């Protein structure tokens, strides 16, 4: 079910994406990008779910939501053959 949800959200996010990641890594915990780049499918899904769950909080804290981060994670999931 999560994978289906991720695909749906990804399609929505991909339609808004500029093509490059554009993730503002400085607005996230140190090491997040390295963790995402090195994770397995289960961990990538967990990172995606955490980004989704924290979307409103991130927007309040940084002025932007997690759409670019979630798109980046989704691309890593596709690269790894998770979805």
Protein backbone atom coordinates (compact mmCIF):
# COMPACT_ATOMS: atom_id res chain seq x y z
CA UNK A 1 0.00 0.00 0.00
CA UNK A 2 2.81 2.44 0.82
CA UNK A 3 4.44 1.81 -2.53
CA UNK A 4 1.17 2.60 -4.30
CA UNK A 5 0.81 5.78 -2.26
CA UNK A 6 4.42 6.71 -3.02
CA UNK A 7 3.84 6.24 -6.74
CA UNK A 8 0.76 8.46 -6.65
CA UNK A 9 2.50 11.20 -4.71
CA UNK A 10 5.53 10.86 -6.94
CA UNK A 11 3.49 11.39 -10.07
CA UNK A 12 2.03 14.53 -8.55
CA UNK A 13 5.43 15.78 -7.44
CA UNK A 14 7.13 14.90 -10.70
CA UNK A 15 4.68 17.06 -12.57
CA UNK A 16 5.91 20.01 -10.47
CA UNK A 17 9.61 19.14 -10.53
CA UNK A 18 12.18 21.18 -12.41
CA UNK A 19 14.23 18.11 -13.32
CA UNK A 20 17.17 18.71 -10.97
CA UNK A 21 16.86 17.85 -7.31
CA UNK A 22 16.86 21.43 -6.05
CA UNK A 23 16.75 20.06 -2.50
CA UNK A 24 17.94 22.65 0.01
CA UNK A 25 20.06 20.19 1.98
CA UNK A 26 21.07 22.82 4.53
CA UNK A 27 17.47 22.88 5.77
CA UNK A 28 17.65 19.21 6.78
CA UNK A 29 19.62 17.16 9.28
CA UNK A 30 23.31 16.81 8.50
CA UNK A 31 24.00 13.58 6.63
CA UNK A 32 20.46 13.15 5.28
CA UNK A 33 21.55 13.14 1.63
CA UNK A 34 24.30 10.59 2.30
CA UNK A 35 21.81 8.44 4.21
CA UNK A 36 19.31 8.56 1.36
CA UNK A 37 21.98 7.87 -1.25
CA UNK A 38 23.15 4.77 0.63
CA UNK A 39 19.89 3.24 1.84
CA UNK A 40 18.03 0.11 0.84
CA UNK A 41 14.41 0.02 -0.30
CA UNK A 42 12.90 -0.28 3.18
CA UNK A 43 14.97 2.61 4.48
CA UNK A 44 14.20 4.75 1.44
CA UNK A 45 10.49 4.16 2.01
CA UNK A 46 10.93 5.12 5.67
CA UNK A 47 12.70 8.36 4.66
CA UNK A 48 9.92 9.11 2.16
CA UNK A 49 7.25 8.48 4.79
CA UNK A 50 9.08 10.70 7.30
CA UNK A 51 9.35 13.51 4.74
CA UNK A 52 5.64 13.18 4.01
CA UNK A 53 4.72 13.18 7.71
CA UNK A 54 6.88 16.25 8.38
CA UNK A 55 5.82 18.23 5.32
CA UNK A 56 3.80 20.88 7.18
CA UNK A 57 6.41 21.26 9.93
CA UNK A 58 9.17 21.72 7.35
CA UNK A 59 7.13 24.37 5.54
CA UNK A 60 6.62 26.24 8.80
CA UNK A 61 10.28 26.01 9.72
CA UNK A 62 11.88 26.70 6.33
CA UNK A 63 9.25 28.32 4.13
CA UNK A 64 9.20 25.37 1.71
CA UNK A 65 7.65 21.93 1.85
CA UNK A 66 9.31 18.55 1.30
CA UNK A 67 8.20 18.09 -2.33
CA UNK A 68 11.73 18.32 -3.76
CA UNK A 69 13.10 16.02 -1.06
CA UNK A 70 10.35 13.48 -1.70
CA UNK A 71 10.99 13.64 -5.44
CA UNK A 72 14.71 13.05 -4.78
CA UNK A 73 13.95 10.05 -2.56
CA UNK A 74 11.54 8.67 -5.15
CA UNK A 75 14.24 8.89 -7.84
CA UNK A 76 16.61 6.95 -5.57
CA UNK A 77 13.88 4.34 -5.02
CA UNK A 78 13.45 3.98 -8.77
CA UNK A 79 17.22 3.75 -9.29
CA UNK A 80 17.37 0.99 -6.70
CA UNK A 81 14.44 -0.88 -8.30
CA UNK A 82 12.19 -0.40 -5.29
CA UNK A 83 9.15 0.83 -7.25
